[in-house]
């Protein structure tokens, strides 16, 4: 590992990485804990804040340029901010299913998929973790169909994973309701 690229990166990148490194394990912890408790809400607020910081700081990161200085990941950042707001509104109105689904989608897309993309060749995380090779994942520009096809594939993946989590969650709730 070589942390020099992190320390040489601009402030937006450093803030983005630190918030993401906080949000990933925090999100996993939230999935594992009992929902609706005071602890869930407190840790959820910290995760919410980290995700908002990740989304906002991403606009200062322009390594992948598709449309001017922006990329499909910036669309994900806008979607993240919207999803954060709608998930809180859903929870406050008692629509826990919508709250859960939107935050699962956000975790899968924002932390899982976007986090994996951070390991694309030449990007910061790949230079830190794989300093000799520069990474193992292709950049969105290297993929068949380019960045636009990548963005649609990313959206499809997030939807499919969210449905899988929801199906599993509903199945678990129906089994516990029968007992």
Protein backbone atom coordinates (compact mmCIF):
# COMPACT_ATOMS: atom_id res chain seq x y z
CA UNK A 1 0.00 0.00 0.00
CA UNK A 2 1.15 3.50 -0.80
CA UNK A 3 -0.72 6.35 0.91
CA UNK A 4 1.22 9.07 -0.92
CA UNK A 5 -1.50 9.49 -3.61
CA UNK A 6 -4.06 10.18 -0.87
CA UNK A 7 -1.94 12.90 0.71
CA UNK A 8 -1.24 14.41 -2.73
CA UNK A 9 -4.93 14.46 -3.69
CA UNK A 10 -7.04 17.61 -3.43
CA UNK A 11 -9.08 18.29 -0.31
CA UNK A 12 -12.40 17.19 -1.90
CA UNK A 13 -10.91 13.77 -2.68
CA UNK A 14 -9.53 13.40 0.84
CA UNK A 15 -12.86 14.33 2.42
CA UNK A 16 -14.67 11.97 0.04
CA UNK A 17 -12.39 9.02 0.88
CA UNK A 18 -12.56 9.58 4.65
CA UNK A 19 -16.36 9.83 4.59
CA UNK A 20 -16.62 6.68 2.44
CA UNK A 21 -14.29 4.75 4.74
CA UNK A 22 -16.60 5.74 7.62
CA UNK A 23 -19.86 5.06 5.75
CA UNK A 24 -19.02 1.54 4.55
CA UNK A 25 -18.65 -0.19 7.95
CA UNK A 26 -21.29 2.06 9.51
CA UNK A 27 -23.81 0.99 6.86
CA UNK A 28 -23.03 -2.66 7.47
CA UNK A 29 -23.49 -2.13 11.21
CA UNK A 30 -26.89 -0.55 10.62
CA UNK A 31 -28.01 -3.53 8.51
CA UNK A 32 -27.04 -5.88 11.33
CA UNK A 33 -28.66 -4.00 14.22
CA UNK A 34 -32.23 -3.95 15.43
CA UNK A 35 -34.22 -1.28 13.58
CA UNK A 36 -36.18 1.59 15.07
CA UNK A 37 -34.11 1.80 18.24
CA UNK A 38 -32.46 4.92 19.53
CA UNK A 39 -29.08 3.43 18.61
CA UNK A 40 -30.28 2.73 15.05
CA UNK A 41 -31.40 6.32 14.67
CA UNK A 42 -28.19 7.76 16.11
CA UNK A 43 -25.89 5.64 13.92
CA UNK A 44 -28.25 6.19 10.98
CA UNK A 45 -27.83 9.95 11.33
CA UNK A 46 -24.06 9.56 11.29
CA UNK A 47 -24.31 7.37 8.16
CA UNK A 48 -26.71 9.86 6.55
CA UNK A 49 -24.24 12.68 7.21
CA UNK A 50 -21.33 10.67 5.80
CA UNK A 51 -23.32 9.84 2.65
CA UNK A 52 -24.25 13.50 2.18
CA UNK A 53 -20.58 14.47 2.56
CA UNK A 54 -19.59 11.79 0.04
CA UNK A 55 -22.14 13.06 -2.49
CA UNK A 56 -21.31 16.74 -2.07
CA UNK A 57 -17.54 16.24 -2.09
CA UNK A 58 -17.79 14.17 -5.30
CA UNK A 59 -18.46 17.34 -7.26
CA UNK A 60 -14.89 18.39 -6.52
CA UNK A 61 -13.61 15.13 -8.04
CA UNK A 62 -13.29 15.14 -11.80
CA UNK A 63 -10.93 12.29 -12.65
CA UNK A 64 -13.44 10.54 -14.90
CA UNK A 65 -14.57 13.13 -17.43
CA UNK A 66 -17.47 12.23 -19.69
CA UNK A 67 -19.58 15.39 -19.92
CA UNK A 68 -17.25 18.33 -19.39
CA UNK A 69 -15.83 17.72 -15.93
CA UNK A 70 -18.61 15.33 -14.92
CA UNK A 71 -19.27 11.60 -15.17
CA UNK A 72 -22.10 9.12 -14.54
CA UNK A 73 -20.89 8.97 -10.95
CA UNK A 74 -21.97 12.58 -10.49
CA UNK A 75 -25.49 11.52 -11.46
CA UNK A 76 -25.20 8.96 -8.67
CA UNK A 77 -24.26 11.79 -6.31
CA UNK A 78 -27.40 13.74 -7.23
CA UNK A 79 -29.46 10.59 -6.82
CA UNK A 80 -27.79 10.00 -3.43
CA UNK A 81 -28.81 13.42 -2.14
CA UNK A 82 -32.39 12.97 -3.38
CA UNK A 83 -32.60 9.44 -1.94
CA UNK A 84 -31.30 10.55 1.44
CA UNK A 85 -34.03 13.18 1.66
CA UNK A 86 -36.84 10.93 0.43
CA UNK A 87 -35.81 8.10 2.77
CA UNK A 88 -36.07 10.35 5.81
CA UNK A 89 -39.44 11.69 4.67
CA UNK A 90 -40.63 8.09 4.18
CA UNK A 91 -39.51 7.08 7.67
CA UNK A 92 -41.14 10.10 9.27
CA UNK A 93 -44.40 9.28 7.52
CA UNK A 94 -44.24 5.68 8.71
CA UNK A 95 -43.40 4.19 5.32
CA UNK A 96 -40.61 2.00 6.63
CA UNK A 97 -40.62 -0.23 3.55
CA UNK A 98 -39.79 2.71 1.29
CA UNK A 99 -37.21 3.94 3.81
CA UNK A 100 -35.52 0.53 3.91
CA UNK A 101 -35.60 -0.01 0.14
CA UNK A 102 -34.18 3.39 -0.69
CA UNK A 103 -31.35 3.08 1.82
CA UNK A 104 -30.48 -0.45 0.72
CA UNK A 105 -30.30 0.86 -2.85
CA UNK A 106 -28.17 3.74 -1.71
CA UNK A 107 -25.77 1.49 0.18
CA UNK A 108 -25.45 -0.98 -2.70
CA UNK A 109 -25.03 1.70 -5.37
CA UNK A 110 -23.26 4.39 -3.43
CA UNK A 111 -20.93 2.32 -1.31
CA UNK A 112 -20.77 -1.04 -3.07
CA UNK A 113 -20.74 -0.19 -6.76
CA UNK A 114 -19.21 3.29 -6.61
CA UNK A 115 -16.69 1.97 -4.09
CA UNK A 116 -15.70 -0.78 -6.51
CA UNK A 117 -15.35 1.79 -9.29
CA UNK A 118 -12.86 3.65 -7.09
CA UNK A 119 -10.57 0.70 -7.73
CA UNK A 120 -10.62 1.26 -11.51
CA UNK A 121 -7.21 1.56 -13.14
CA UNK A 122 -5.58 4.87 -12.46
CA UNK A 123 -8.05 6.12 -9.84
CA UNK A 124 -6.94 7.03 -6.34
CA UNK A 125 -7.92 3.89 -4.41
CA UNK A 126 -6.35 1.61 -7.02
CA UNK A 127 -3.12 3.63 -6.83
CA UNK A 128 -3.13 3.33 -3.03
CA UNK A 129 -3.98 -0.37 -2.75
CA UNK A 130 -2.29 -1.58 -5.97
CA UNK A 131 0.65 0.79 -6.45
CA UNK A 132 2.57 -1.66 -8.66
CA UNK A 133 -0.19 -2.44 -11.15
CA UNK A 134 -2.41 0.64 -10.87
CA UNK A 135 -5.53 -1.45 -10.34
CA UNK A 136 -7.36 -4.37 -11.84
CA UNK A 137 -10.77 -2.99 -12.86
CA UNK A 138 -11.21 -1.22 -16.19
CA UNK A 139 -12.36 2.39 -16.20
CA UNK A 140 -15.91 3.10 -17.44
CA UNK A 141 -14.39 4.48 -20.69
CA UNK A 142 -12.72 1.08 -21.32
CA UNK A 143 -15.98 -0.89 -21.08
CA UNK A 144 -18.04 -1.91 -24.12
CA UNK A 145 -20.56 0.84 -24.77
CA UNK A 146 -18.54 3.34 -22.78
CA UNK A 147 -19.69 5.40 -19.81
CA UNK A 148 -23.34 5.68 -20.87
CA UNK A 149 -23.78 1.92 -21.08
CA UNK A 150 -21.92 1.69 -17.80
CA UNK A 151 -24.35 4.13 -16.13
CA UNK A 152 -27.36 2.12 -17.32
CA UNK A 153 -25.72 -1.13 -16.18
CA UNK A 154 -24.99 0.42 -12.81
CA UNK A 155 -28.62 1.50 -12.40
CA UNK A 156 -29.85 -1.97 -13.38
CA UNK A 157 -27.49 -3.63 -10.91
CA UNK A 158 -28.64 -1.40 -8.06
CA UNK A 159 -32.30 -2.12 -8.84
CA UNK A 160 -31.72 -5.89 -9.01
CA UNK A 161 -29.77 -6.01 -5.76
CA UNK A 162 -32.38 -3.86 -4.02
CA UNK A 163 -35.16 -6.18 -5.15
CA UNK A 164 -33.14 -9.18 -3.92
CA UNK A 165 -32.68 -7.58 -0.48
CA UNK A 166 -36.35 -6.63 -0.32
CA UNK A 167 -37.49 -10.11 -1.35
CA UNK A 168 -35.28 -11.66 1.32
CA UNK A 169 -36.48 -9.17 3.92
CA UNK A 170 -40.17 -9.75 3.12
CA UNK A 171 -39.67 -13.50 3.20
CA UNK A 172 -38.01 -13.21 6.62
CA UNK A 173 -40.83 -10.99 7.94
CA UNK A 174 -43.53 -13.37 6.69
CA UNK A 175 -41.81 -16.34 8.35
CA UNK A 176 -41.51 -14.50 11.67
CA UNK A 177 -45.15 -13.33 11.43
CA UNK A 178 -46.30 -16.96 11.11
CA UNK A 179 -44.44 -18.01 14.24
